[in-house]
Amino acid sequence: MSDGKVVRVKRALLSVFDKTGIADFAKALAGLGVDLVSTGGTAKLIAATGAAVRDISDLTGFPEMMDGRVKTLHPKVHGGLLAVRDNPTHAASMAEHEIGAIDLVVVNLYRFEDTIAKGASYDETIENIDIGGPAMIRSAAKNHAYTTVIVDPNDYDQVLEHIWQSGGVPYELRQKLAAKAYARTAAYDSVISGWFAKTLGYEDMPYRSFAGRLKEVMRYGENPHQWAAFYATGEARPGVATARQVQGKSLSYNNLNDTDAAFELVSEFAAETPAVAIIKHANPCGFAVGTSLIEAYRLALRTDPVSAFGGIVALNGVIDEATAVEIVKVFTEVIVAPDATDAAIKIIASKKNLRLLLTGALADPKADGLTVKSLAGGLLVQGRDNRNVDDTEFKVVTKKAPTEAELRDLKLAMKIAKHVKSNAIVYVKDGATVGIGAGQMSRLDSSRVAHRKAIDAAEAAGIEGALTRGSVVASDAFFPFPDGMLAAVEAGATAVIQPGGSMNDQAVIDAADAAGIAMVMTGMRHFRH
């Protein structure tokens, strides 16, 4: 068995879909005396450089067939990849069957992710599942004691440098490339199995795998002692994974988590309704809709100007100059929006550490998908919460019905509550939040926390009393007892929206009637833990 020394590269098999850098790499290998074997378009590209290259059929003595499905699945390929060179039995088989060793394999795969992203038919999608590529990758990776495998064009230069210096690739690098290769085939199969599950409606598959591609290694995670990295899944959903970072330093783990929460919230609202969210620790500390983005921002900021310091600002439209001027007045970590004018970008650039992310579009709040949470020894997987109050046929359960203005604010409050950590209580007045209670252990506490913040915000704005006077209130889940609802009434709420479903619903309704307020029930809970 190999003792970890450099294994000389005498023959290389190159068959790539992504042809970035392959021509130069192959030409350099040929210049170092490496025998090149290739397939189809890769072979033509290499030949065009003037480098000598043999077609795979010359190596196997067997023609390519079945529309290319069968070309590398042959003993002379896999025998050359898998043979243990210093095993006498293997060496005898190689000699008997005229199998030459393959020392380097360069393979990357059909972009299955692109196939499903473009909405290809079932048959076309199946046809774009790569078989020969993963088989060669796995064979070479298994036999990394003797064979080098490359699945990423970014690795060409370092491998070439080692071959130029010593004629081969050191064992430690072959190990890392093998690990990377298995990770690639695992991710590839994960996408395929996920596509099958979605296409067939096979939700309870006995095995589930989730994959991503490293986008960035971060300085640390939620806390400085935790390692962290960001892996992109390839989902085309507009957001932090696909956004263009126009300026600012790298985003941290917490920045990305908060920015995602902020952008998902504003994406609930079409661009025709200017909306702004200010997020701190993945919770909204202010949200508003308005006739313009600048108006929405000012109203959102008023909700909790203290918490907004160092927060994330998300907008659902094109940032203009006036809005940019207003935002940069407050220390902000990240701004995220579909787009921004050149004038706005220039203003934001005056704050060199402020990150600006442009997503190109809003995320579809109704799109399906999966969310994953890790637990000790397992994963919790669920469908994305892709419904909101617009999808319900809510009913008025009190003697008093909400006015049209209250109804508009009630719907808005419930859309916001969907994005607030449970227990969630959201007060809204005239299209803007005026108090938010998040993450408390009881709904009563959330009502009181939101009221307290509304009093503080009123004082900061020079307003007497609490901002919650004359507001409406939303609860992400039912009120188990009247106390949480009555605390909202005490804060000044005149109408309530909640899912209902408690054993004590009637007691809560009776208390609302006694208080003379309106209440509607949606039948749809929005827990967010």
Protein backbone atom coordinates (compact mmCIF):
# COMPACT_ATOMS: atom_id res chain seq x y z
CA MET A 1 0.00 0.00 0.00
CA SER A 2 1.11 3.59 -0.59
CA ASP A 3 3.17 4.97 2.30
CA GLY A 4 2.05 8.53 1.65
CA LYS A 5 4.77 9.54 -0.77
CA VAL A 6 4.25 11.54 -3.93
CA VAL A 7 2.71 9.42 -6.71
CA ARG A 8 3.95 10.44 -10.13
CA VAL A 9 1.35 11.51 -12.67
CA LYS A 10 1.93 9.77 -15.99
CA ARG A 11 -1.62 9.57 -17.34
CA ALA A 12 -4.60 11.88 -16.83
CA LEU A 13 -8.26 11.45 -17.76
CA LEU A 14 -10.10 14.72 -18.29
CA SER A 15 -13.89 14.92 -18.80
CA VAL A 16 -15.54 18.14 -17.67
CA PHE A 17 -18.82 19.96 -18.11
CA ASP A 18 -17.48 23.24 -16.70
CA LYS A 19 -14.57 23.89 -19.04
CA THR A 20 -13.17 26.87 -17.14
CA GLY A 21 -9.37 26.71 -17.33
CA ILE A 22 -9.29 23.14 -18.67
CA ALA A 23 -7.52 23.96 -21.95
CA ASP A 24 -4.60 25.70 -20.23
CA PHE A 25 -4.41 23.03 -17.55
CA ALA A 26 -4.34 20.21 -20.10
CA LYS A 27 -1.74 21.96 -22.24
CA ALA A 28 0.49 22.42 -19.19
CA LEU A 29 0.10 18.74 -18.27
CA ALA A 30 1.04 17.69 -21.80
CA GLY A 31 4.10 19.95 -21.59
CA LEU A 32 5.16 18.02 -18.49
CA GLY A 33 4.92 14.72 -20.38
CA VAL A 34 1.55 13.56 -19.05
CA ASP A 35 -0.45 11.29 -21.38
CA LEU A 36 -3.90 12.85 -21.86
CA VAL A 37 -7.14 10.94 -22.36
CA SER A 38 -10.43 12.78 -22.74
CA THR A 39 -14.03 12.67 -23.94
CA GLY A 40 -16.24 14.57 -26.40
CA GLY A 41 -16.15 18.35 -26.16
CA THR A 42 -13.34 18.32 -23.61
CA ALA A 43 -11.12 16.38 -26.02
CA LYS A 44 -11.87 18.81 -28.86
CA LEU A 45 -11.01 21.79 -26.67
CA ILE A 46 -7.73 20.23 -25.60
CA ALA A 47 -6.81 19.26 -29.17
CA ALA A 48 -7.38 22.86 -30.26
CA THR A 49 -4.47 23.91 -28.01
CA GLY A 50 -2.12 21.66 -29.98
CA ALA A 51 -1.69 19.23 -27.08
CA ALA A 52 -1.75 15.51 -27.88
CA VAL A 53 -4.92 13.90 -26.53
CA ARG A 54 -6.48 10.49 -27.00
CA ASP A 55 -10.22 9.88 -27.12
CA ILE A 56 -11.65 7.63 -24.42
CA SER A 57 -12.64 5.10 -27.09
CA ASP A 58 -8.97 4.64 -27.98
CA LEU A 59 -8.29 3.70 -24.37
CA THR A 60 -11.22 1.33 -23.92
CA GLY A 61 -11.37 -0.09 -27.43
CA PHE A 62 -15.12 0.37 -27.19
CA PRO A 63 -17.27 3.01 -28.90
CA GLU A 64 -19.32 5.63 -27.07
CA MET A 65 -22.98 4.58 -27.19
CA MET A 66 -26.53 5.23 -26.05
CA ASP A 67 -26.33 8.99 -26.61
CA GLY A 68 -23.23 9.24 -24.45
CA ARG A 69 -24.69 7.35 -21.50
CA VAL A 70 -22.01 4.68 -21.83
CA LYS A 71 -18.50 5.87 -22.54
CA THR A 72 -16.43 5.82 -19.33
CA LEU A 73 -18.22 2.92 -17.60
CA HIS A 74 -15.59 0.39 -18.65
CA PRO A 75 -13.06 -1.89 -16.87
CA LYS A 76 -10.13 -0.17 -18.59
CA VAL A 77 -11.25 3.11 -17.02
CA HIS A 78 -12.27 1.93 -13.57
CA GLY A 79 -9.56 -0.73 -13.43
CA GLY A 80 -7.02 2.00 -14.13
CA LEU A 81 -8.53 4.14 -11.38
CA LEU A 82 -9.06 1.48 -8.71
CA ALA A 83 -5.98 -0.72 -9.07
CA VAL A 84 -3.75 -0.95 -6.01
CA ARG A 85 -0.45 -0.54 -7.78
CA ASP A 86 1.75 -2.54 -5.40
CA ASN A 87 -0.72 -5.41 -4.99
CA PRO A 88 0.61 -8.35 -7.05
CA THR A 89 -2.87 -9.68 -7.84
CA HIS A 90 -4.03 -6.27 -9.08
CA ALA A 91 -0.84 -5.84 -11.09
CA ALA A 92 -1.35 -9.24 -12.69
CA SER A 93 -4.91 -8.37 -13.68
CA MET A 94 -3.77 -5.09 -15.18
CA ALA A 95 -1.15 -6.87 -17.23
CA GLU A 96 -3.49 -9.65 -18.35
CA HIS A 97 -6.23 -7.26 -19.50
CA GLU A 98 -3.95 -4.47 -20.71
CA ILE A 99 -5.25 -1.96 -18.21
CA GLY A 100 -3.05 1.08 -17.80
CA ALA A 101 -2.99 3.06 -14.56
CA ILE A 102 -4.77 6.43 -14.51
CA ASP A 103 -3.00 8.73 -12.06
CA LEU A 104 -5.10 11.87 -12.34
CA VAL A 105 -8.84 12.30 -12.97
CA VAL A 106 -10.37 15.69 -13.70
CA VAL A 107 -14.16 15.52 -13.72
CA ASN A 108 -17.00 17.92 -12.96
CA LEU A 109 -20.65 17.17 -13.41
CA TYR A 110 -23.64 18.18 -15.51
CA ARG A 111 -25.29 21.13 -13.77
CA PHE A 112 -28.34 19.31 -12.53
CA GLU A 113 -29.20 22.33 -10.38
CA ASP A 114 -29.45 24.51 -13.52
CA THR A 115 -31.67 21.93 -15.21
CA ILE A 116 -34.29 21.99 -12.48
CA ALA A 117 -33.98 25.77 -12.05
CA LYS A 118 -35.06 26.34 -15.64
CA GLY A 119 -38.16 24.16 -15.16
CA ALA A 120 -37.11 21.31 -17.45
CA SER A 121 -39.54 18.47 -18.10
CA TYR A 122 -39.34 15.24 -16.12
CA ASP A 123 -37.66 13.34 -18.98
CA GLU A 124 -35.14 16.13 -19.67
CA THR A 125 -34.30 16.34 -15.99
CA ILE A 126 -33.67 12.60 -15.77
CA GLU A 127 -31.45 12.79 -18.85
CA ASN A 128 -29.29 15.40 -17.11
CA ILE A 129 -28.41 13.14 -14.21
CA ASP A 130 -24.70 12.42 -14.59
CA ILE A 131 -23.74 8.77 -14.08
CA GLY A 132 -20.26 8.27 -15.51
CA GLY A 133 -18.86 11.38 -13.84
CA PRO A 134 -19.79 10.48 -10.25
CA ALA A 135 -18.65 6.89 -10.84
CA MET A 136 -15.16 8.04 -11.92
CA ILE A 137 -14.96 10.57 -9.10
CA ARG A 138 -15.84 7.97 -6.48
CA SER A 139 -13.42 5.39 -7.90
CA ALA A 140 -10.53 7.84 -7.97
CA ALA A 141 -11.36 9.23 -4.52
CA LYS A 142 -11.52 5.74 -3.01
CA ASN A 143 -8.09 4.96 -4.45
CA HIS A 144 -6.55 8.32 -3.45
CA ALA A 145 -3.50 6.45 -2.15
CA TYR A 146 -2.51 6.22 -5.83
CA THR A 147 -4.86 8.49 -7.77
CA THR A 148 -5.52 12.24 -7.68
CA VAL A 149 -9.05 13.49 -8.30
CA ILE A 150 -10.04 17.08 -9.16
CA VAL A 151 -13.68 18.21 -9.20
CA ASP A 152 -13.11 21.97 -8.97
CA PRO A 153 -11.24 24.17 -11.48
CA ASN A 154 -9.95 26.19 -8.53
CA ASP A 155 -7.65 23.26 -7.71
CA TYR A 156 -5.87 23.15 -11.07
CA ASP A 157 -3.06 25.51 -10.19
CA GLN A 158 -1.97 23.87 -6.93
CA VAL A 159 -1.99 20.39 -8.50
CA LEU A 160 -0.04 21.64 -11.50
CA GLU A 161 2.50 23.31 -9.26
CA HIS A 162 3.17 20.03 -7.42
CA ILE A 163 3.49 18.05 -10.67
CA TRP A 164 5.90 20.67 -12.02
CA GLN A 165 8.02 20.54 -8.86
CA SER A 166 8.05 16.81 -8.12
CA GLY A 167 6.28 15.01 -10.94
CA GLY A 168 3.30 14.11 -8.78
CA VAL A 169 0.87 15.08 -6.03
CA PRO A 170 1.62 14.62 -2.31
CA TYR A 171 -0.54 12.29 -0.25
CA GLU A 172 -1.94 15.00 2.05
CA LEU A 173 -3.30 16.93 -0.94
CA ARG A 174 -4.69 13.76 -2.51
CA GLN A 175 -6.56 13.11 0.74
CA LYS A 176 -8.11 16.57 0.78
CA LEU A 177 -9.07 16.38 -2.88
CA ALA A 178 -10.68 12.98 -2.25
CA ALA A 179 -12.69 14.37 0.65
CA LYS A 180 -13.80 17.28 -1.52
CA ALA A 181 -14.74 14.86 -4.30
CA TYR A 182 -16.98 12.77 -2.05
CA ALA A 183 -18.57 15.93 -0.71
CA ARG A 184 -19.33 16.97 -4.29
CA THR A 185 -20.97 13.68 -5.27
CA ALA A 186 -22.91 13.65 -1.99
CA ALA A 187 -24.20 17.17 -2.69
CA TYR A 188 -25.05 16.20 -6.26
CA ASP A 189 -27.06 13.17 -5.16
CA SER A 190 -28.72 15.28 -2.48
CA VAL A 191 -30.08 17.68 -5.09
CA ILE A 192 -31.33 14.78 -7.21
CA SER A 193 -33.07 13.04 -4.31
CA GLY A 194 -34.57 16.35 -3.21
CA TRP A 195 -35.92 16.94 -6.71
CA PHE A 196 -37.49 13.47 -6.74
CA ALA A 197 -39.10 14.07 -3.35
CA LYS A 198 -40.60 17.37 -4.46
CA THR A 199 -41.68 16.13 -7.90
CA LEU A 200 -43.34 13.00 -6.55
CA GLY A 201 -44.75 14.60 -3.42
CA TYR A 202 -42.73 12.02 -1.46
CA GLU A 203 -42.41 14.08 1.72
CA ASP A 204 -41.64 11.27 4.14
CA MET A 205 -38.66 9.80 2.31
CA PRO A 206 -36.88 7.35 4.64
CA TYR A 207 -33.56 9.15 4.05
CA ARG A 208 -33.03 12.89 3.63
CA SER A 209 -29.86 14.72 2.76
CA PHE A 210 -29.16 18.44 2.49
CA ALA A 211 -26.23 19.97 0.71
CA GLY A 212 -24.57 23.29 0.10
CA ARG A 213 -21.51 24.81 -1.49
CA LEU A 214 -19.08 26.81 0.61
CA LYS A 215 -19.66 30.50 -0.02
CA GLU A 216 -17.65 31.97 2.79
CA VAL A 217 -15.77 30.98 5.95
CA MET A 218 -16.55 33.52 8.65
CA ARG A 219 -14.45 34.96 11.44
CA TYR A 220 -16.70 33.19 13.94
CA GLY A 221 -20.28 32.12 14.58
CA GLU A 222 -22.89 33.52 16.94
CA ASN A 223 -20.07 33.96 19.46
CA PRO A 224 -16.31 34.39 18.96
CA HIS A 225 -15.47 30.87 20.19
CA GLN A 226 -17.67 29.19 17.53
CA TRP A 227 -16.49 28.19 14.05
CA ALA A 228 -18.85 29.23 11.25
CA ALA A 229 -19.26 29.18 7.47
CA PHE A 230 -21.97 30.01 4.98
CA TYR A 231 -23.00 27.31 2.51
CA ALA A 232 -25.30 28.18 -0.40
CA THR A 233 -27.82 25.52 -1.38
CA GLY A 234 -28.23 26.70 -4.96
CA GLU A 235 -31.87 27.71 -4.44
CA ALA A 236 -32.59 30.66 -6.72
CA ARG A 237 -34.71 32.46 -4.09
CA PRO A 238 -33.72 36.15 -3.89
CA GLY A 239 -32.05 36.88 -0.58
CA VAL A 240 -28.74 36.88 1.23
CA ALA A 241 -27.33 33.86 -0.63
CA THR A 242 -27.89 35.34 -4.08
CA ALA A 243 -27.56 39.06 -3.37
CA ARG A 244 -24.82 41.27 -4.80
CA GLN A 245 -22.82 42.95 -2.06
CA VAL A 246 -22.13 46.43 -3.37
CA GLN A 247 -19.98 47.61 -0.50
CA GLY A 248 -18.94 47.09 3.09
CA LYS A 249 -16.96 44.51 5.01
CA SER A 250 -17.80 40.82 5.09
CA LEU A 251 -21.05 39.86 6.74
CA SER A 252 -20.92 37.96 10.00
CA TYR A 253 -22.95 34.90 10.95
CA ASN A 254 -25.38 37.10 12.90
CA ASN A 255 -25.54 39.66 10.07
CA LEU A 256 -26.62 37.00 7.60
CA ASN A 257 -29.21 35.52 9.95
CA ASP A 258 -30.71 38.94 10.70
CA THR A 259 -30.59 40.10 7.07
CA ASP A 260 -32.43 37.00 5.94
CA ALA A 261 -35.15 37.63 8.54
CA ALA A 262 -35.45 41.27 7.46
CA PHE A 263 -35.70 40.57 3.74
CA GLU A 264 -38.21 37.74 4.17
CA LEU A 265 -40.47 40.14 6.08
CA VAL A 266 -40.47 42.94 3.50
CA SER A 267 -40.96 40.35 0.76
CA GLU A 268 -44.47 39.79 2.14
CA PHE A 269 -45.36 43.14 0.52
CA ALA A 270 -45.38 43.90 -3.20
CA ALA A 271 -43.20 46.79 -4.34
CA GLU A 272 -46.35 48.84 -5.04
CA THR A 273 -46.72 49.08 -1.25
CA PRO A 274 -43.45 50.63 0.01
CA ALA A 275 -42.39 48.69 3.10
CA VAL A 276 -39.43 48.90 5.48
CA ALA A 277 -38.36 46.54 8.25
CA ILE A 278 -35.72 47.20 10.88
CA ILE A 279 -34.43 43.99 12.46
CA LYS A 280 -32.37 43.34 15.57
CA HIS A 281 -31.41 39.83 16.65
CA ALA A 282 -33.68 38.30 13.97
CA ASN A 283 -36.74 40.12 15.34
CA PRO A 284 -38.43 43.21 13.91
CA CYS A 285 -37.98 46.24 16.14
CA GLY A 286 -39.91 48.36 13.66
CA PHE A 287 -41.95 47.95 10.50
CA ALA A 288 -44.13 50.21 8.41
CA VAL A 289 -45.74 50.67 5.04
CA GLY A 290 -46.12 54.12 3.55
CA THR A 291 -46.62 56.18 0.42
CA SER A 292 -42.82 56.13 -0.06
CA LEU A 293 -39.84 54.26 1.31
CA ILE A 294 -38.64 57.27 3.27
CA GLU A 295 -42.01 57.63 4.98
CA ALA A 296 -42.09 53.91 5.77
CA TYR A 297 -38.54 54.08 7.16
CA ARG A 298 -39.31 57.02 9.46
CA LEU A 299 -42.41 55.30 10.82
CA ALA A 300 -40.55 52.01 11.31
CA LEU A 301 -37.73 53.78 13.14
CA ARG A 302 -40.18 55.52 15.47
CA THR A 303 -41.34 52.17 16.88
CA ASP A 304 -38.08 51.51 18.74
CA PRO A 305 -35.25 53.93 17.86
CA VAL A 306 -33.04 52.54 20.63
CA SER A 307 -33.08 48.96 19.33
CA ALA A 308 -32.67 50.16 15.74
CA PHE A 309 -29.09 51.24 16.53
CA GLY A 310 -26.79 48.66 14.92
CA GLY A 311 -29.70 46.92 13.22
CA ILE A 312 -30.56 45.67 9.74
CA VAL A 313 -32.74 47.71 7.39
CA ALA A 314 -34.68 45.93 4.65
CA LEU A 315 -36.71 47.68 1.96
CA ASN A 316 -38.98 46.19 -0.68
CA GLY A 317 -38.24 48.73 -3.42
CA VAL A 318 -35.47 50.72 -5.08
CA ILE A 319 -33.59 52.82 -2.52
CA ASP A 320 -33.60 56.46 -3.60
CA GLU A 321 -31.31 59.29 -2.55
CA ALA A 322 -33.63 60.75 0.10
CA THR A 323 -34.18 57.38 1.78
CA ALA A 324 -30.44 56.65 1.77
CA VAL A 325 -29.74 60.01 3.43
CA GLU A 326 -32.25 59.18 6.16
CA ILE A 327 -30.96 55.65 6.82
CA VAL A 328 -27.29 56.61 7.19
CA LYS A 329 -28.17 59.03 9.98
CA VAL A 330 -28.49 55.99 12.27
CA PHE A 331 -25.67 53.46 12.76
CA THR A 332 -26.79 50.48 10.67
CA GLU A 333 -25.00 47.18 10.02
CA VAL A 334 -26.68 46.11 6.76
CA ILE A 335 -29.09 47.53 4.19
CA VAL A 336 -30.81 45.04 1.89
CA ALA A 337 -33.18 45.85 -0.97
CA PRO A 338 -33.96 44.70 -4.51
CA ASP A 339 -32.04 47.69 -5.96
CA ALA A 340 -30.75 51.21 -5.36
CA THR A 341 -30.15 54.29 -7.48
CA ASP A 342 -26.60 55.38 -8.24
CA ALA A 343 -27.13 58.46 -6.07
CA ALA A 344 -28.27 56.28 -3.15
CA ILE A 345 -25.29 53.95 -3.56
CA LYS A 346 -22.95 56.94 -3.46
CA ILE A 347 -24.50 58.20 -0.22
CA ILE A 348 -24.33 54.78 1.43
CA ALA A 349 -20.68 54.51 0.33
CA SER A 350 -19.89 57.38 2.71
CA LYS A 351 -20.21 54.76 5.48
CA LYS A 352 -17.45 52.41 4.36
CA ASN A 353 -18.29 49.60 6.80
CA LEU A 354 -22.03 49.66 6.06
CA ARG A 355 -22.94 46.62 3.97
CA LEU A 356 -25.29 47.14 1.05
CA LEU A 357 -26.89 44.05 -0.48
CA LEU A 358 -28.97 44.21 -3.64
CA THR A 359 -31.07 41.13 -4.40
CA GLY A 360 -32.52 42.06 -7.80
CA ALA A 361 -36.03 40.98 -6.77
CA LEU A 362 -38.22 40.19 -3.81
CA ALA A 363 -38.56 36.65 -2.48
CA ASP A 364 -41.86 34.92 -3.24
CA PRO A 365 -43.62 34.57 0.13
CA LYS A 366 -45.90 31.86 -1.30
CA ALA A 367 -43.10 29.65 -2.68
CA ASP A 368 -42.71 26.26 -1.11
CA GLY A 369 -39.47 24.92 0.29
CA LEU A 370 -38.00 23.30 3.38
CA THR A 371 -36.53 24.70 6.58
CA VAL A 372 -34.09 22.67 8.64
CA LYS A 373 -33.11 22.93 12.30
CA SER A 374 -30.44 20.80 13.92
CA LEU A 375 -31.01 18.94 17.17
CA ALA A 376 -28.73 16.60 19.10
CA GLY A 377 -28.66 13.49 16.92
CA GLY A 378 -31.05 14.70 14.26
CA LEU A 379 -32.67 17.29 12.05
CA LEU A 380 -36.11 18.83 12.25
CA VAL A 381 -37.43 19.41 8.73
CA GLN A 382 -40.60 21.25 7.81
CA GLY A 383 -42.19 23.07 4.92
CA ARG A 384 -41.61 26.82 4.74
CA ASP A 385 -44.36 28.91 6.37
CA ASN A 386 -45.59 30.17 3.01
CA ARG A 387 -49.07 31.31 3.98
CA ASN A 388 -50.30 34.49 5.60
CA VAL A 389 -53.47 36.21 6.68
CA ASP A 390 -54.51 36.81 3.07
CA ASP A 391 -54.96 33.05 2.72
CA THR A 392 -57.51 32.80 5.52
CA GLU A 393 -61.23 33.34 5.78
CA PHE A 394 -61.14 34.93 9.20
CA LYS A 395 -64.29 35.61 11.12
CA VAL A 396 -65.44 38.30 13.50
CA VAL A 397 -66.17 36.61 16.83
CA THR A 398 -67.18 39.63 18.93
CA LYS A 399 -70.31 41.75 18.99
CA LYS A 400 -68.30 44.65 17.64
CA ALA A 401 -66.79 44.37 14.16
CA PRO A 402 -63.55 46.11 13.20
CA THR A 403 -63.73 49.22 11.04
CA GLU A 404 -62.17 49.13 7.57
CA ALA A 405 -59.14 51.03 8.88
CA GLU A 406 -58.77 48.62 11.80
CA LEU A 407 -59.11 45.65 9.45
CA ARG A 408 -56.27 46.93 7.26
CA ASP A 409 -54.04 47.33 10.30
CA LEU A 410 -55.08 43.94 11.69
CA LYS A 411 -54.00 42.19 8.50
CA LEU A 412 -50.73 44.08 8.51
CA ALA A 413 -50.10 43.27 12.17
CA MET A 414 -50.60 39.55 11.55
CA LYS A 415 -48.24 39.54 8.56
CA ILE A 416 -45.59 41.10 10.80
CA ALA A 417 -46.34 38.76 13.72
CA LYS A 418 -45.53 35.83 11.41
CA HIS A 419 -41.91 37.07 11.41
CA VAL A 420 -41.61 37.77 15.15
CA LYS A 421 -40.26 35.13 17.53
CA SER A 422 -42.93 33.49 19.65
CA ASN A 423 -44.62 34.48 21.84
CA ALA A 424 -45.32 37.36 19.45
CA ILE A 425 -47.48 40.41 20.09
CA VAL A 426 -47.55 43.20 17.50
CA TYR A 427 -49.35 46.54 17.84
CA VAL A 428 -50.02 48.47 14.61
CA LYS A 429 -51.54 51.89 13.99
CA ASP A 430 -52.01 53.57 10.62
CA GLY A 431 -49.75 51.14 8.74
CA ALA A 432 -46.84 51.13 11.19
CA THR A 433 -45.82 49.12 14.21
CA VAL A 434 -46.09 51.00 17.48
CA GLY A 435 -45.05 48.18 19.80
CA ILE A 436 -43.56 44.70 19.40
CA GLY A 437 -43.20 42.02 22.07
CA ALA A 438 -41.08 39.04 21.08
CA GLY A 439 -39.73 35.82 22.50
CA GLN A 440 -41.31 36.02 25.95
CA MET A 441 -42.27 32.95 27.92
CA SER A 442 -45.88 34.09 28.19
CA ARG A 443 -48.18 36.01 25.89
CA LEU A 444 -49.04 38.34 28.78
CA ASP A 445 -45.37 39.28 29.12
CA SER A 446 -45.12 39.97 25.37
CA SER A 447 -48.14 42.30 25.57
CA ARG A 448 -46.59 44.18 28.47
CA VAL A 449 -43.11 44.39 26.91
CA ALA A 450 -44.56 45.83 23.71
CA HIS A 451 -46.58 48.38 25.69
CA ARG A 452 -43.53 49.40 27.69
CA LYS A 453 -41.53 49.95 24.49
CA ALA A 454 -44.41 51.99 23.06
CA ILE A 455 -44.28 54.28 26.10
CA ASP A 456 -40.52 54.72 25.70
CA ALA A 457 -40.88 55.42 21.97
CA ALA A 458 -43.56 58.03 22.65
CA GLU A 459 -41.33 59.79 25.14
CA ALA A 460 -38.46 59.80 22.59
CA ALA A 461 -40.82 61.33 20.01
CA GLY A 462 -42.21 63.90 22.45
CA ILE A 463 -45.66 62.27 22.45
CA GLU A 464 -47.69 62.02 25.64
CA GLY A 465 -48.78 58.50 26.58
CA ALA A 466 -48.04 55.33 24.62
CA LEU A 467 -47.94 54.93 20.84
CA THR A 468 -50.26 51.96 21.27
CA ARG A 469 -53.28 54.12 22.07
CA GLY A 470 -55.87 53.55 19.36
CA SER A 471 -53.86 50.71 17.80
CA VAL A 472 -54.79 47.17 16.85
CA VAL A 473 -52.93 44.09 18.06
CA ALA A 474 -51.98 40.73 16.56
CA SER A 475 -50.98 37.55 18.35
CA ASP A 476 -49.15 34.78 16.49
CA ALA A 477 -51.03 32.11 18.46
CA PHE A 478 -54.18 31.94 20.53
CA PHE A 479 -54.59 33.67 23.86
CA PRO A 480 -54.82 30.82 26.39
CA PHE A 481 -56.42 33.19 28.91
CA PRO A 482 -57.96 36.64 28.68
CA ASP A 483 -55.08 38.31 30.56
CA GLY A 484 -52.74 38.78 27.56
CA MET A 485 -55.57 40.23 25.48
CA LEU A 486 -56.71 42.48 28.32
CA ALA A 487 -53.16 43.77 28.73
CA ALA A 488 -53.34 44.82 25.07
CA VAL A 489 -56.66 46.57 25.73
CA GLU A 490 -55.01 48.36 28.67
CA ALA A 491 -52.26 49.45 26.29
CA GLY A 492 -54.90 51.09 24.11
CA ALA A 493 -55.71 48.45 21.48
CA THR A 494 -59.20 48.69 19.98
CA ALA A 495 -59.19 45.49 17.90
CA VAL A 496 -57.48 42.09 18.08
CA ILE A 497 -56.52 39.45 15.53
CA GLN A 498 -55.49 35.98 16.63
CA PRO A 499 -55.71 32.37 15.34
CA GLY A 500 -58.08 31.07 18.01
CA GLY A 501 -58.24 27.40 18.89
CA SER A 502 -57.84 27.56 22.65
CA MET A 503 -60.12 25.70 25.06
CA ASN A 504 -60.69 29.15 26.56
CA ASP A 505 -61.63 30.93 23.33
CA GLN A 506 -65.10 31.77 24.60
CA ALA A 507 -63.73 33.29 27.80
CA VAL A 508 -61.38 35.47 25.73
CA ILE A 509 -64.24 36.48 23.41
CA ASP A 510 -66.45 37.34 26.39
CA ALA A 511 -63.66 39.48 27.86
CA ALA A 512 -63.27 41.29 24.51
CA ASP A 513 -67.00 41.97 24.40
CA ALA A 514 -66.92 43.27 27.97
CA ALA A 515 -64.06 45.59 27.01
CA GLY A 516 -65.98 46.79 23.96
CA ILE A 517 -63.34 45.85 21.38
CA ALA A 518 -63.47 43.92 18.11
CA MET A 519 -61.81 40.55 17.61
CA VAL A 520 -61.25 38.39 14.53
CA MET A 521 -59.90 34.85 14.37
CA THR A 522 -57.91 33.46 11.45
CA GLY A 523 -57.54 29.78 12.28
CA MET A 524 -53.85 29.99 11.24
CA ARG A 525 -51.01 29.98 13.76
CA HIS A 526 -47.54 31.41 13.02
CA PHE A 527 -45.14 30.11 15.65
CA ARG A 528 -41.53 31.12 14.95
CA HIS A 529 -38.99 29.72 17.37
